[in-house]
N, C-alpha and C. Protein backbone atom coordinates (compact mmCIF):
# COMPACT_ATOMS: atom_id res chain seq x y z
N MET A 1 -4.88 22.00 23.24
CA MET A 1 -3.58 21.28 23.04
C MET A 1 -3.20 22.78 21.79
N GLU A 2 -2.01 23.35 21.84
CA GLU A 2 -1.29 24.31 21.27
C GLU A 2 -0.85 23.25 19.96
N LYS A 3 -1.49 24.26 18.95
CA LYS A 3 -0.83 23.39 17.36
C LYS A 3 0.61 23.99 16.93
N CYS A 4 1.17 23.25 16.41
CA CYS A 4 2.70 23.46 16.08
C CYS A 4 2.99 23.35 14.17
N ILE A 5 3.60 23.98 13.55
CA ILE A 5 4.32 23.12 12.36
C ILE A 5 5.74 22.71 12.10
N VAL A 6 5.69 21.61 11.84
CA VAL A 6 7.03 20.83 11.78
C VAL A 6 7.74 20.65 10.30
N LEU A 7 8.54 21.43 10.01
CA LEU A 7 9.24 21.09 8.59
C LEU A 7 9.81 19.77 8.67
N THR A 8 9.16 18.93 8.24
CA THR A 8 9.44 17.25 7.99
C THR A 8 10.16 16.89 6.64
N SER A 9 11.22 16.93 6.49
CA SER A 9 11.93 16.33 5.44
C SER A 9 12.22 14.95 5.22
N GLY A 10 11.68 14.01 6.38
CA GLY A 10 12.15 12.71 6.31
C GLY A 10 13.51 12.40 6.71
N GLY A 11 14.29 13.30 7.02
CA GLY A 11 15.65 12.92 7.25
C GLY A 11 15.67 12.97 9.08
N LEU A 12 17.08 12.56 9.30
CA LEU A 12 17.35 12.38 10.65
C LEU A 12 17.04 13.77 11.49
N ASP A 13 17.10 14.89 11.12
CA ASP A 13 17.07 16.14 12.34
C ASP A 13 15.90 16.66 12.04
N SER A 14 14.90 16.40 11.02
CA SER A 14 13.56 17.01 11.13
C SER A 14 12.60 15.76 12.10
N THR A 15 13.23 14.36 11.60
CA THR A 15 12.37 13.89 12.43
C THR A 15 12.42 13.67 13.85
N THR A 16 13.83 13.82 14.38
CA THR A 16 13.98 14.20 15.95
C THR A 16 13.37 15.54 16.56
N THR A 17 13.45 16.42 15.35
CA THR A 17 12.46 17.69 15.81
C THR A 17 11.08 17.34 16.02
N LEU A 18 10.58 16.54 15.04
CA LEU A 18 9.30 16.25 15.42
C LEU A 18 8.99 15.40 16.80
N ALA A 19 9.60 14.71 17.27
CA ALA A 19 9.71 13.75 18.27
C ALA A 19 9.67 15.04 19.65
N ILE A 20 10.54 15.91 19.43
CA ILE A 20 10.68 16.76 20.38
C ILE A 20 9.50 17.50 20.81
N ALA A 21 8.76 18.03 19.22
CA ALA A 21 7.63 18.71 19.44
C ALA A 21 6.51 17.83 20.10
N LYS A 22 6.36 16.84 19.67
CA LYS A 22 5.48 16.10 20.20
C LYS A 22 5.58 16.07 21.56
N ASN A 23 6.70 15.54 22.14
CA ASN A 23 7.00 15.57 23.21
C ASN A 23 6.42 16.81 24.28
N LEU A 24 6.65 17.75 23.88
CA LEU A 24 6.52 19.36 24.32
C LEU A 24 5.00 19.31 24.45
N GLY A 25 4.15 18.27 23.65
CA GLY A 25 2.96 18.29 24.00
C GLY A 25 1.97 19.13 23.06
N PHE A 26 2.55 19.36 21.72
CA PHE A 26 2.10 20.09 20.62
C PHE A 26 1.24 18.97 19.82
N GLU A 27 0.18 19.73 19.50
CA GLU A 27 -0.48 19.23 18.14
C GLU A 27 0.21 19.44 16.87
N LEU A 28 0.82 18.38 16.13
CA LEU A 28 1.54 18.21 15.28
C LEU A 28 0.75 18.43 13.72
N TYR A 29 1.19 19.26 13.07
CA TYR A 29 0.96 19.45 11.76
C TYR A 29 2.43 19.43 10.93
N ALA A 30 2.51 18.79 10.21
CA ALA A 30 3.85 18.59 9.41
C ALA A 30 3.64 18.90 7.82
N LEU A 31 5.05 19.73 7.68
CA LEU A 31 4.91 20.07 6.21
C LEU A 31 6.53 20.01 5.51
N THR A 32 6.10 19.09 4.35
CA THR A 32 7.15 18.82 3.50
C THR A 32 6.82 19.30 2.12
N PHE A 33 8.21 19.49 1.30
CA PHE A 33 8.63 19.79 0.08
C PHE A 33 8.89 18.95 -0.73
N ASP A 34 8.22 18.94 -1.92
CA ASP A 34 8.87 18.56 -3.12
C ASP A 34 9.34 19.82 -3.81
N TYR A 35 10.28 19.77 -4.12
CA TYR A 35 10.79 21.22 -4.70
C TYR A 35 11.91 20.95 -5.90
N GLY A 36 11.45 19.66 -6.25
CA GLY A 36 12.74 19.36 -7.41
C GLY A 36 14.03 18.84 -7.00
N GLN A 37 14.24 18.14 -5.86
CA GLN A 37 15.34 17.72 -5.23
C GLN A 37 15.62 16.45 -6.32
N ARG A 38 16.71 15.74 -6.15
CA ARG A 38 17.33 14.99 -6.88
C ARG A 38 16.48 13.86 -7.17
N HIS A 39 15.88 13.36 -5.75
CA HIS A 39 15.24 12.11 -5.71
C HIS A 39 14.20 12.46 -4.74
N LYS A 40 13.04 11.54 -4.82
CA LYS A 40 12.03 11.19 -3.99
C LYS A 40 11.84 10.48 -2.60
N TYR A 41 12.93 9.61 -2.37
CA TYR A 41 13.19 8.66 -1.41
C TYR A 41 13.09 9.54 0.29
N GLU A 42 13.43 10.97 0.12
CA GLU A 42 13.11 11.64 1.59
C GLU A 42 11.70 12.01 1.80
N ILE A 43 11.02 12.22 0.54
CA ILE A 43 9.31 12.64 0.58
C ILE A 43 8.64 11.35 1.10
N ASN A 44 9.24 9.92 0.73
CA ASN A 44 8.42 8.78 1.05
C ASN A 44 8.82 8.62 2.62
N SER A 45 10.03 8.95 2.79
CA SER A 45 10.43 8.82 4.33
C SER A 45 9.41 9.55 5.16
N ALA A 46 9.33 11.13 4.67
CA ALA A 46 8.37 12.03 5.59
C ALA A 46 7.12 11.47 5.83
N LYS A 47 6.61 10.73 4.77
CA LYS A 47 5.21 10.18 5.04
C LYS A 47 5.08 9.33 5.82
N LYS A 48 6.05 8.14 5.73
CA LYS A 48 6.18 7.55 6.86
C LYS A 48 6.80 8.00 8.27
N VAL A 49 7.51 8.84 8.67
CA VAL A 49 7.77 9.64 9.48
C VAL A 49 6.31 10.31 10.35
N SER A 50 5.56 10.68 9.68
CA SER A 50 4.25 11.74 9.92
C SER A 50 3.46 10.78 10.05
N GLU A 51 3.51 9.55 9.63
CA GLU A 51 2.46 8.57 10.06
C GLU A 51 2.83 7.50 11.10
N TYR A 52 4.40 7.93 11.38
CA TYR A 52 4.78 6.79 13.23
C TYR A 52 4.22 8.07 13.98
N PHE A 53 4.48 9.12 13.89
CA PHE A 53 4.19 10.26 14.95
C PHE A 53 2.53 10.62 14.82
N ALA A 54 1.81 10.12 14.05
CA ALA A 54 0.38 10.41 14.16
C ALA A 54 0.03 11.64 14.14
N VAL A 55 0.52 12.84 13.52
CA VAL A 55 0.44 13.95 13.09
C VAL A 55 -1.09 14.20 12.54
N LYS A 56 -1.37 15.29 12.87
CA LYS A 56 -3.09 15.85 12.61
C LYS A 56 -2.97 15.93 11.19
N GLU A 57 -1.97 16.75 10.38
CA GLU A 57 -2.00 16.79 9.13
C GLU A 57 -0.87 16.49 8.63
N HIS A 58 -0.59 16.13 7.23
CA HIS A 58 0.74 16.16 6.60
C HIS A 58 0.52 16.77 5.12
N ARG A 59 1.17 18.06 5.12
CA ARG A 59 1.08 18.51 3.61
C ARG A 59 2.36 18.09 2.94
N ILE A 60 2.17 18.01 2.01
CA ILE A 60 3.29 17.84 0.64
C ILE A 60 3.22 19.21 -0.05
N ILE A 61 4.12 20.23 -0.31
CA ILE A 61 3.91 21.08 -1.06
C ILE A 61 4.53 20.90 -2.33
N VAL A 62 4.22 21.06 -3.44
CA VAL A 62 5.52 21.16 -4.53
C VAL A 62 5.51 22.52 -5.27
N ILE A 63 7.00 22.99 -5.08
CA ILE A 63 7.21 23.91 -5.43
C ILE A 63 8.47 23.54 -6.60
N ASP A 64 8.83 24.43 -7.55
CA ASP A 64 9.88 23.74 -8.37
C ASP A 64 11.34 24.87 -8.36
N LEU A 65 12.15 24.15 -7.10
CA LEU A 65 13.59 25.11 -7.63
C LEU A 65 14.56 24.87 -8.62
N ARG A 66 13.96 23.85 -9.21
CA ARG A 66 14.71 23.60 -10.53
C ARG A 66 14.56 24.73 -11.58
N ALA A 67 13.77 25.42 -11.29
CA ALA A 67 13.57 26.38 -12.27
C ALA A 67 14.66 27.65 -12.23
N PHE A 68 15.52 27.30 -10.91
CA PHE A 68 16.65 28.41 -10.72
C PHE A 68 17.76 27.66 -10.72
N GLY A 69 17.69 26.62 -10.21
CA GLY A 69 19.16 25.59 -10.08
C GLY A 69 20.31 26.06 -9.32
N GLY A 70 21.53 26.18 -9.34
CA GLY A 70 22.18 26.37 -8.50
C GLY A 70 22.81 25.76 -7.61
N SER A 71 22.20 24.41 -7.53
CA SER A 71 22.39 23.68 -6.18
C SER A 71 22.80 22.19 -7.04
N ALA A 72 23.58 21.57 -6.15
CA ALA A 72 23.99 19.87 -6.86
C ALA A 72 22.28 19.34 -6.43
N LEU A 73 21.56 19.60 -5.62
CA LEU A 73 20.46 18.96 -5.56
C LEU A 73 19.26 19.54 -6.44
N THR A 74 19.16 20.12 -7.22
CA THR A 74 18.23 20.83 -7.82
C THR A 74 19.05 21.09 -9.49
N ASP A 75 20.09 21.05 -9.57
CA ASP A 75 20.71 21.24 -11.06
C ASP A 75 21.54 19.69 -11.68
N ASP A 76 22.10 20.21 -12.36
CA ASP A 76 22.77 19.11 -13.14
C ASP A 76 24.29 19.34 -12.67
N ILE A 77 24.34 19.21 -11.26
CA ILE A 77 25.76 19.36 -10.78
C ILE A 77 25.77 17.95 -9.81
N ASP A 78 27.74 17.68 -10.15
CA ASP A 78 27.77 16.75 -9.31
C ASP A 78 27.64 16.87 -7.67
N VAL A 79 26.93 15.64 -7.04
CA VAL A 79 27.04 15.77 -5.19
C VAL A 79 28.73 15.50 -5.16
N PRO A 80 29.26 16.26 -4.19
CA PRO A 80 30.67 16.13 -3.61
C PRO A 80 30.55 14.70 -2.85
N VAL A 81 31.39 14.31 -2.89
CA VAL A 81 31.97 12.92 -2.12
C VAL A 81 33.17 13.06 -1.68
N HIS A 82 33.28 12.29 -0.35
CA HIS A 82 34.49 12.41 0.69
C HIS A 82 35.03 11.13 0.90
N GLU A 83 35.75 10.85 1.54
CA GLU A 83 36.08 9.31 2.34
C GLU A 83 35.51 9.39 3.66
N GLU A 84 35.84 10.50 4.19
CA GLU A 84 35.51 10.16 5.82
C GLU A 84 34.85 12.05 5.98
N ALA A 85 34.25 11.97 7.27
CA ALA A 85 33.51 13.42 7.67
C ALA A 85 34.44 14.26 7.79
N GLY A 86 35.81 14.04 8.27
CA GLY A 86 36.75 14.77 8.88
C GLY A 86 37.36 15.58 7.39
N HIS A 87 36.90 15.02 6.04
CA HIS A 87 37.27 15.79 4.94
C HIS A 87 36.58 16.47 4.46
N ILE A 88 35.44 17.12 4.71
CA ILE A 88 34.52 18.09 4.48
C ILE A 88 34.86 19.55 5.21
N ASP A 89 34.80 20.53 4.02
CA ASP A 89 35.59 21.58 4.21
C ASP A 89 34.27 22.59 4.76
N ARG A 90 34.63 22.85 5.94
CA ARG A 90 33.87 23.74 6.69
C ARG A 90 33.74 25.27 6.60
N ASN A 91 34.95 25.53 5.86
CA ASN A 91 35.22 26.78 5.57
C ASN A 91 34.49 27.43 4.37
N SER A 92 33.78 26.67 3.73
CA SER A 92 32.77 27.10 2.76
C SER A 92 31.70 26.43 2.35
N ILE A 93 30.79 27.10 1.42
CA ILE A 93 29.42 26.80 1.41
C ILE A 93 29.46 25.67 0.21
N PRO A 94 28.71 24.63 0.37
CA PRO A 94 29.32 23.52 -0.75
C PRO A 94 28.08 23.49 -1.52
N VAL A 95 28.20 22.76 -2.81
CA VAL A 95 27.28 23.09 -3.93
C VAL A 95 26.11 22.54 -3.66
N THR A 96 25.91 21.79 -2.28
CA THR A 96 24.74 21.10 -2.19
C THR A 96 23.67 22.39 -1.48
N TYR A 97 24.14 23.22 -1.12
CA TYR A 97 23.27 24.49 -0.66
C TYR A 97 22.08 24.69 -1.50
N VAL A 98 21.18 25.02 -1.42
CA VAL A 98 20.00 25.07 -2.32
C VAL A 98 19.83 26.75 -1.92
N PRO A 99 19.98 27.84 -2.93
CA PRO A 99 19.62 28.99 -2.83
C PRO A 99 18.26 29.38 -2.04
N ALA A 100 18.16 30.02 -0.71
CA ALA A 100 17.26 30.60 -0.04
C ALA A 100 16.09 29.51 0.09
N ARG A 101 16.59 28.10 0.19
CA ARG A 101 15.34 26.81 0.59
C ARG A 101 14.91 27.10 1.73
N ASN A 102 15.72 27.34 2.98
CA ASN A 102 14.82 27.26 4.28
C ASN A 102 14.00 28.87 4.48
N THR A 103 14.66 29.80 3.86
CA THR A 103 13.66 31.05 3.73
C THR A 103 12.20 30.84 2.87
N ILE A 104 12.29 29.81 1.75
CA ILE A 104 11.09 29.48 1.34
C ILE A 104 10.64 28.43 2.18
N PHE A 105 10.88 27.58 2.52
CA PHE A 105 10.11 26.61 3.13
C PHE A 105 9.35 27.31 4.93
N LEU A 106 10.33 28.08 5.43
CA LEU A 106 9.73 29.00 6.59
C LEU A 106 8.46 30.12 6.22
N ALA A 107 9.02 30.47 5.07
CA ALA A 107 7.95 31.51 4.38
C ALA A 107 6.26 30.58 4.04
N TYR A 108 6.52 29.38 3.73
CA TYR A 108 5.12 28.53 3.48
C TYR A 108 4.72 28.18 4.70
N ALA A 109 5.73 27.87 5.84
CA ALA A 109 5.14 27.23 7.16
C ALA A 109 4.42 28.52 7.81
N LEU A 110 4.97 29.58 7.84
CA LEU A 110 4.44 30.89 8.12
C LEU A 110 3.11 31.25 7.94
N ALA A 111 2.76 31.05 6.59
CA ALA A 111 1.37 31.46 5.76
C ALA A 111 0.53 30.14 6.49
N TRP A 112 1.02 28.89 6.50
CA TRP A 112 -0.21 27.90 7.18
C TRP A 112 -0.53 28.37 8.44
N ALA A 113 0.76 28.49 9.41
CA ALA A 113 0.64 28.52 10.84
C ALA A 113 -0.16 29.97 10.93
N GLU A 114 -0.49 31.05 10.61
CA GLU A 114 -1.37 31.99 10.20
C GLU A 114 -2.87 31.46 9.92
N VAL A 115 -3.12 30.75 9.21
CA VAL A 115 -4.60 30.03 8.66
C VAL A 115 -5.01 29.11 10.04
N ILE A 116 -4.05 28.57 10.59
CA ILE A 116 -4.68 27.56 11.55
C ILE A 116 -4.15 27.65 12.91
N ARG A 117 -3.74 29.19 13.05
CA ARG A 117 -3.55 29.97 14.28
C ARG A 117 -2.25 29.00 15.07
N ALA A 118 -1.38 28.50 14.17
CA ALA A 118 -0.15 28.04 15.27
C ALA A 118 0.59 29.05 15.50
N HIS A 119 1.37 29.11 16.58
CA HIS A 119 2.30 30.05 17.03
C HIS A 119 3.68 29.77 17.08
N ASP A 120 3.85 28.30 16.39
CA ASP A 120 5.23 27.87 16.89
C ASP A 120 5.59 26.89 15.56
N ILE A 121 6.59 27.43 15.06
CA ILE A 121 7.13 26.90 13.73
C ILE A 121 8.55 26.01 14.38
N PHE A 122 8.62 24.43 13.82
CA PHE A 122 9.92 23.98 14.74
C PHE A 122 10.64 23.54 12.91
N THR A 123 11.56 23.92 13.40
CA THR A 123 12.75 23.89 11.98
C THR A 123 14.10 22.97 12.75
N GLY A 124 14.57 21.93 11.81
CA GLY A 124 15.80 20.95 12.51
C GLY A 124 16.99 21.66 11.97
N VAL A 125 17.14 22.69 12.03
CA VAL A 125 18.38 23.03 11.44
C VAL A 125 19.65 23.01 12.78
N SER A 126 20.83 22.76 12.20
CA SER A 126 22.35 22.98 13.53
C SER A 126 23.12 23.79 13.05
N SER A 127 23.29 24.65 13.91
CA SER A 127 24.50 25.18 13.66
C SER A 127 25.49 24.86 14.01
N LEU A 128 25.81 23.61 14.36
CA LEU A 128 27.21 22.84 14.73
C LEU A 128 27.60 21.90 13.67
N ASP A 129 26.63 20.64 13.51
CA ASP A 129 27.28 19.82 12.65
C ASP A 129 26.32 19.81 11.31
N TYR A 130 26.69 20.52 10.53
CA TYR A 130 26.44 21.03 9.35
C TYR A 130 27.23 20.93 8.51
N SER A 131 26.52 21.24 7.00
CA SER A 131 27.62 21.02 5.82
C SER A 131 27.90 22.59 5.45
N GLY A 132 27.56 23.45 6.37
CA GLY A 132 28.06 25.09 6.17
C GLY A 132 27.15 25.81 5.78
N TYR A 133 25.84 25.46 5.71
CA TYR A 133 24.96 26.27 5.00
C TYR A 133 24.63 27.57 5.83
N PRO A 134 24.50 28.87 5.62
CA PRO A 134 24.22 29.96 5.90
C PRO A 134 22.91 29.99 6.42
N ASP A 135 21.89 29.46 6.29
CA ASP A 135 20.78 29.69 6.56
C ASP A 135 20.38 28.16 7.80
N CYS A 136 21.39 28.03 8.50
CA CYS A 136 21.32 26.93 9.74
C CYS A 136 21.98 27.93 10.89
N ARG A 137 22.55 29.28 10.78
CA ARG A 137 22.95 29.64 11.83
C ARG A 137 21.79 30.12 12.52
N PRO A 138 22.41 30.53 13.81
CA PRO A 138 21.13 31.13 15.01
C PRO A 138 20.81 32.61 14.46
N GLU A 139 21.96 33.12 14.00
CA GLU A 139 21.54 34.77 13.24
C GLU A 139 20.25 34.48 12.30
N TYR A 140 20.21 33.62 11.40
CA TYR A 140 19.21 33.43 10.60
C TYR A 140 18.02 33.06 11.33
N ILE A 141 18.10 32.41 12.10
CA ILE A 141 16.64 31.98 12.67
C ILE A 141 16.20 33.14 13.73
N GLU A 142 17.04 34.01 14.25
CA GLU A 142 16.55 35.03 14.72
C GLU A 142 15.85 36.28 13.97
N ALA A 143 16.47 36.39 12.84
CA ALA A 143 15.90 37.37 11.99
C ALA A 143 14.92 37.07 11.18
N PHE A 144 14.48 35.91 10.81
CA PHE A 144 13.38 35.28 10.55
C PHE A 144 12.36 35.52 11.31
N GLN A 145 12.51 35.20 12.69
CA GLN A 145 11.48 35.29 13.46
C GLN A 145 10.81 36.67 13.84
N LYS A 146 12.09 37.49 13.48
CA LYS A 146 11.66 38.94 13.78
C LYS A 146 11.13 39.58 12.57
N MET A 147 11.36 39.23 11.39
CA MET A 147 10.69 39.45 10.10
C MET A 147 9.03 38.98 10.08
N ALA A 148 9.21 37.44 10.76
CA ALA A 148 7.68 37.08 10.79
C ALA A 148 6.91 37.97 11.68
N ASN A 149 7.33 38.30 12.93
CA ASN A 149 6.34 39.27 13.59
C ASN A 149 6.16 40.38 13.01
N LEU A 150 6.78 41.02 12.13
CA LEU A 150 6.59 42.36 11.76
C LEU A 150 5.43 42.09 10.46
N ALA A 151 5.70 40.91 9.82
CA ALA A 151 4.88 40.90 8.44
C ALA A 151 3.62 39.87 8.92
N THR A 152 3.32 39.42 10.01
CA THR A 152 1.91 38.79 9.70
C THR A 152 0.57 39.36 10.70
N LYS A 153 -0.46 39.14 10.50
CA LYS A 153 -1.49 39.88 10.85
C LYS A 153 -1.87 39.12 12.38
N GLU A 154 -1.20 37.87 12.30
CA GLU A 154 -1.48 37.39 14.10
C GLU A 154 -0.15 37.76 14.64
N ALA A 155 0.75 38.38 14.23
CA ALA A 155 1.91 38.69 15.47
C ALA A 155 1.29 40.25 15.69
N VAL A 156 0.57 41.21 14.80
CA VAL A 156 0.43 42.71 14.75
C VAL A 156 -0.79 42.55 15.61
N GLU A 157 -1.65 41.45 16.00
CA GLU A 157 -2.93 41.35 16.62
C GLU A 157 -2.30 40.71 18.04
N GLY A 158 -1.34 40.61 18.51
CA GLY A 158 -0.68 40.08 19.57
C GLY A 158 -0.40 38.55 19.64
N ASN A 159 -0.46 38.01 18.55
CA ASN A 159 0.23 36.58 18.74
C ASN A 159 1.36 36.23 17.87
N PRO A 160 2.09 36.60 18.72
CA PRO A 160 3.66 36.50 18.12
C PRO A 160 3.79 34.95 17.40
N VAL A 161 4.93 34.81 16.50
CA VAL A 161 4.85 33.66 16.34
C VAL A 161 6.53 32.98 16.64
N ASN A 162 6.80 31.70 17.01
CA ASN A 162 7.94 31.84 17.62
C ASN A 162 8.57 30.52 16.25
N ILE A 163 10.00 30.52 16.23
CA ILE A 163 10.80 30.27 15.20
C ILE A 163 11.67 28.97 16.22
N CYS A 164 11.23 27.49 16.34
CA CYS A 164 11.86 26.92 17.25
C CYS A 164 12.83 26.00 16.66
N ALA A 165 14.07 26.04 17.18
CA ALA A 165 15.39 24.96 16.44
C ALA A 165 16.01 24.47 17.53
N PRO A 166 14.92 23.33 17.94
CA PRO A 166 15.77 22.42 19.32
C PRO A 166 16.90 22.18 18.94
N LEU A 167 17.36 22.09 18.13
CA LEU A 167 18.85 21.11 17.54
C LEU A 167 20.01 21.98 17.29
N LEU A 168 19.43 23.46 17.28
CA LEU A 168 20.41 24.27 16.58
C LEU A 168 21.96 24.18 17.55
N PHE A 169 21.95 24.13 18.70
CA PHE A 169 23.43 23.78 19.18
C PHE A 169 23.42 22.41 19.61
N LEU A 170 23.55 21.41 18.82
CA LEU A 170 23.31 19.93 19.36
C LEU A 170 24.21 19.54 18.23
N ASP A 171 25.05 18.65 18.42
CA ASP A 171 25.98 18.05 17.03
C ASP A 171 25.25 16.76 16.68
N LYS A 172 25.22 15.92 15.68
CA LYS A 172 24.84 14.90 15.49
C LYS A 172 24.65 14.05 16.62
N ALA A 173 25.69 13.57 17.31
CA ALA A 173 25.53 12.11 18.18
C ALA A 173 24.54 12.94 19.01
N ASP A 174 24.72 14.08 19.93
CA ASP A 174 23.51 14.47 20.65
C ASP A 174 22.12 14.56 20.02
N THR A 175 21.90 14.58 19.04
CA THR A 175 20.75 14.78 18.45
C THR A 175 20.09 13.43 18.31
N ILE A 176 20.98 12.53 17.79
CA ILE A 176 20.56 10.93 17.72
C ILE A 176 20.08 10.76 19.29
N ARG A 177 20.94 10.69 20.21
CA ARG A 177 20.58 10.32 21.46
C ARG A 177 19.64 11.00 22.35
N LYS A 178 19.19 12.20 21.50
CA LYS A 178 17.87 12.91 22.20
C LYS A 178 16.74 12.29 21.23
N GLY A 179 16.73 11.63 20.15
CA GLY A 179 15.56 10.96 19.30
C GLY A 179 15.56 9.71 19.83
N ILE A 180 16.72 8.77 20.11
CA ILE A 180 16.72 7.50 20.64
C ILE A 180 15.82 7.79 22.13
N GLU A 181 16.30 8.75 22.83
CA GLU A 181 15.44 8.68 24.14
C GLU A 181 13.99 9.10 23.73
N LEU A 182 13.56 9.86 22.92
CA LEU A 182 12.24 10.03 22.45
C LEU A 182 11.41 9.05 21.94
N GLY A 183 12.02 7.93 21.27
CA GLY A 183 11.42 6.89 20.71
C GLY A 183 11.92 6.90 19.32
N VAL A 184 12.46 7.54 18.61
CA VAL A 184 12.61 7.78 17.30
C VAL A 184 13.08 6.26 16.41
N ASP A 185 12.28 5.96 15.51
CA ASP A 185 12.85 4.75 14.69
C ASP A 185 13.51 5.59 13.64
N TYR A 186 15.06 5.72 13.66
CA TYR A 186 15.70 6.15 12.55
C TYR A 186 16.05 5.41 11.34
N SER A 187 15.14 4.11 11.39
CA SER A 187 15.48 3.26 10.34
C SER A 187 14.43 3.78 9.05
N ILE A 188 13.13 4.60 9.45
CA ILE A 188 12.54 4.99 8.55
C ILE A 188 12.83 6.46 7.77
N THR A 189 13.92 6.83 8.25
CA THR A 189 14.45 8.08 7.89
C THR A 189 15.40 8.00 6.89
N HIS A 190 15.94 9.12 6.01
CA HIS A 190 16.62 9.17 5.02
C HIS A 190 17.61 10.38 4.84
N SER A 191 18.67 10.46 4.88
CA SER A 191 19.54 11.60 4.76
C SER A 191 20.31 11.72 3.40
N CYS A 192 20.45 10.78 2.62
CA CYS A 192 21.46 10.79 1.61
C CYS A 192 20.78 11.78 0.71
N TYR A 193 22.21 12.63 0.13
CA TYR A 193 21.83 13.41 -1.08
C TYR A 193 21.90 12.52 -2.58
N ASN A 194 22.59 11.52 -2.65
CA ASN A 194 22.59 10.98 -3.89
C ASN A 194 22.46 9.37 -3.67
N PRO A 195 21.31 8.97 -3.49
CA PRO A 195 21.19 7.17 -3.29
C PRO A 195 21.05 6.75 -4.67
N THR A 196 21.24 5.29 -4.56
CA THR A 196 20.99 4.66 -5.63
C THR A 196 19.90 4.33 -6.27
N PRO A 197 19.33 3.85 -7.19
CA PRO A 197 18.00 4.05 -7.98
C PRO A 197 17.42 2.81 -6.97
N SER A 198 17.88 2.11 -6.04
CA SER A 198 16.94 1.27 -5.42
C SER A 198 16.66 1.85 -4.07
N GLY A 199 17.72 2.76 -3.73
CA GLY A 199 17.04 3.74 -2.67
C GLY A 199 18.05 3.60 -1.44
N LEU A 200 19.41 2.79 -1.65
CA LEU A 200 20.38 2.80 -0.97
C LEU A 200 21.30 4.07 -0.69
N ALA A 201 21.57 4.45 0.50
CA ALA A 201 22.26 5.49 0.84
C ALA A 201 23.69 5.46 0.43
N CYS A 202 24.21 6.37 -0.34
CA CYS A 202 25.60 6.32 -1.12
C CYS A 202 26.88 5.95 -0.07
N GLY A 203 26.65 6.52 1.37
CA GLY A 203 27.36 6.45 2.12
C GLY A 203 28.74 7.66 2.13
N VAL A 204 28.82 7.99 0.99
CA VAL A 204 30.03 8.94 0.92
C VAL A 204 29.72 10.75 0.53
N CYS A 205 28.22 11.06 0.63
CA CYS A 205 28.11 12.62 0.50
C CYS A 205 28.22 13.01 1.58
N ASP A 206 28.14 14.30 1.92
CA ASP A 206 28.26 15.00 3.23
C ASP A 206 27.11 14.57 4.42
N SER A 207 26.01 14.50 3.80
CA SER A 207 25.07 13.81 4.57
C SER A 207 25.22 12.53 5.25
N CYS A 208 25.78 11.91 4.24
CA CYS A 208 25.87 10.34 4.66
C CYS A 208 27.07 10.49 5.85
N LEU A 209 28.09 11.02 5.08
CA LEU A 209 29.25 10.73 6.50
C LEU A 209 29.20 11.62 7.98
N LEU A 210 28.05 12.78 7.86
CA LEU A 210 27.68 13.21 8.86
C LEU A 210 26.77 12.40 9.71
N ARG A 211 25.90 11.72 9.14
CA ARG A 211 25.00 11.00 10.20
C ARG A 211 25.85 9.51 10.30
N ARG A 212 26.67 9.05 9.53
CA ARG A 212 27.46 8.00 9.82
C ARG A 212 28.19 8.42 11.30
N LYS A 213 29.07 9.52 11.33
CA LYS A 213 29.88 9.92 12.30
C LYS A 213 28.95 10.09 13.25
N GLY A 214 27.92 10.62 13.28
CA GLY A 214 26.50 11.14 14.47
C GLY A 214 26.67 9.62 15.05
N PHE A 215 26.01 8.59 14.37
CA PHE A 215 25.82 7.11 15.17
C PHE A 215 27.06 6.76 15.51
N LEU A 216 28.20 6.73 14.99
CA LEU A 216 29.12 6.18 15.85
C LEU A 216 29.91 6.83 16.81
N GLU A 217 29.66 8.18 16.97
CA GLU A 217 30.05 8.91 18.19
C GLU A 217 28.93 8.47 18.95
N ALA A 218 27.58 8.51 18.89
CA ALA A 218 26.72 8.10 19.77
C ALA A 218 26.73 6.76 20.53
N GLY A 219 27.54 6.20 19.94
CA GLY A 219 27.59 4.69 20.15
C GLY A 219 26.35 3.71 20.37
N ILE A 220 25.18 4.24 18.96
CA ILE A 220 24.39 3.54 18.71
C ILE A 220 24.16 3.06 17.34
N GLU A 221 23.85 1.89 16.67
CA GLU A 221 23.85 1.34 15.80
C GLU A 221 23.00 1.91 14.44
N ASP A 222 24.02 2.28 13.42
CA ASP A 222 23.10 2.89 12.41
C ASP A 222 22.28 2.03 11.79
N PRO A 223 20.78 2.30 11.51
CA PRO A 223 20.12 1.57 10.68
C PRO A 223 19.80 1.35 9.24
N THR A 224 20.83 2.67 9.08
CA THR A 224 20.86 2.81 7.25
C THR A 224 21.03 1.58 6.43
N ARG A 225 20.94 1.75 5.24
CA ARG A 225 21.28 0.31 4.60
C ARG A 225 22.18 1.44 3.42
N TYR A 226 23.41 1.32 3.42
CA TYR A 226 24.65 2.11 2.52
C TYR A 226 24.70 1.16 1.21
N ALA A 227 25.35 1.84 0.36
CA ALA A 227 25.73 1.06 -0.84
C ALA A 227 26.89 0.60 -0.60
N ASP A 228 27.72 1.01 0.02
CA ASP A 228 28.81 0.80 0.59
C ASP A 228 29.07 -0.19 1.40
């Protein structure tokens, strides 16, 4: 059985990605980051998701991106709210973008992949239904894979790494349909940027609105508990 590493945040997209990797027959290694984000609910969800899919190993890496800040998720900046998903501005990069986050996460995954000799790294990025982050584009995934295969011992010795982004060209509705087909329990996932102290999703941040829109368009009941 081939090994793979899956970046696992506890959210809808990464959980669906984990299900896809499992369905492909990989032995699963899940990697989660406690990076100084606004809350720990997504980390708790990542633990639940990893148990649900019986991953071989789940590692939670502690890094502190608050040292740099520059994002509403790691700094004293308000999380933007909207009345509906259609009001999200897709022409600008929102303040919830965390500088270089995917590059940092994938670099850690690449290091672990070399150690365990895994040649596939899965990430749940989507270029269609996202908040405008530059590190969710196909050009970025292609560029990182090229860099990874120039910079690692495994690749130089003939074992290239694949950066797998199975949701890259799926919107939220199609992602949810795929997850349901593969048996994902979305009630254990967490997507909200700014939950209440009790863990309820705010319902009005970009991530909540895109999630709600996805379930609505997929014709599937959203199991999320929203504050509104």
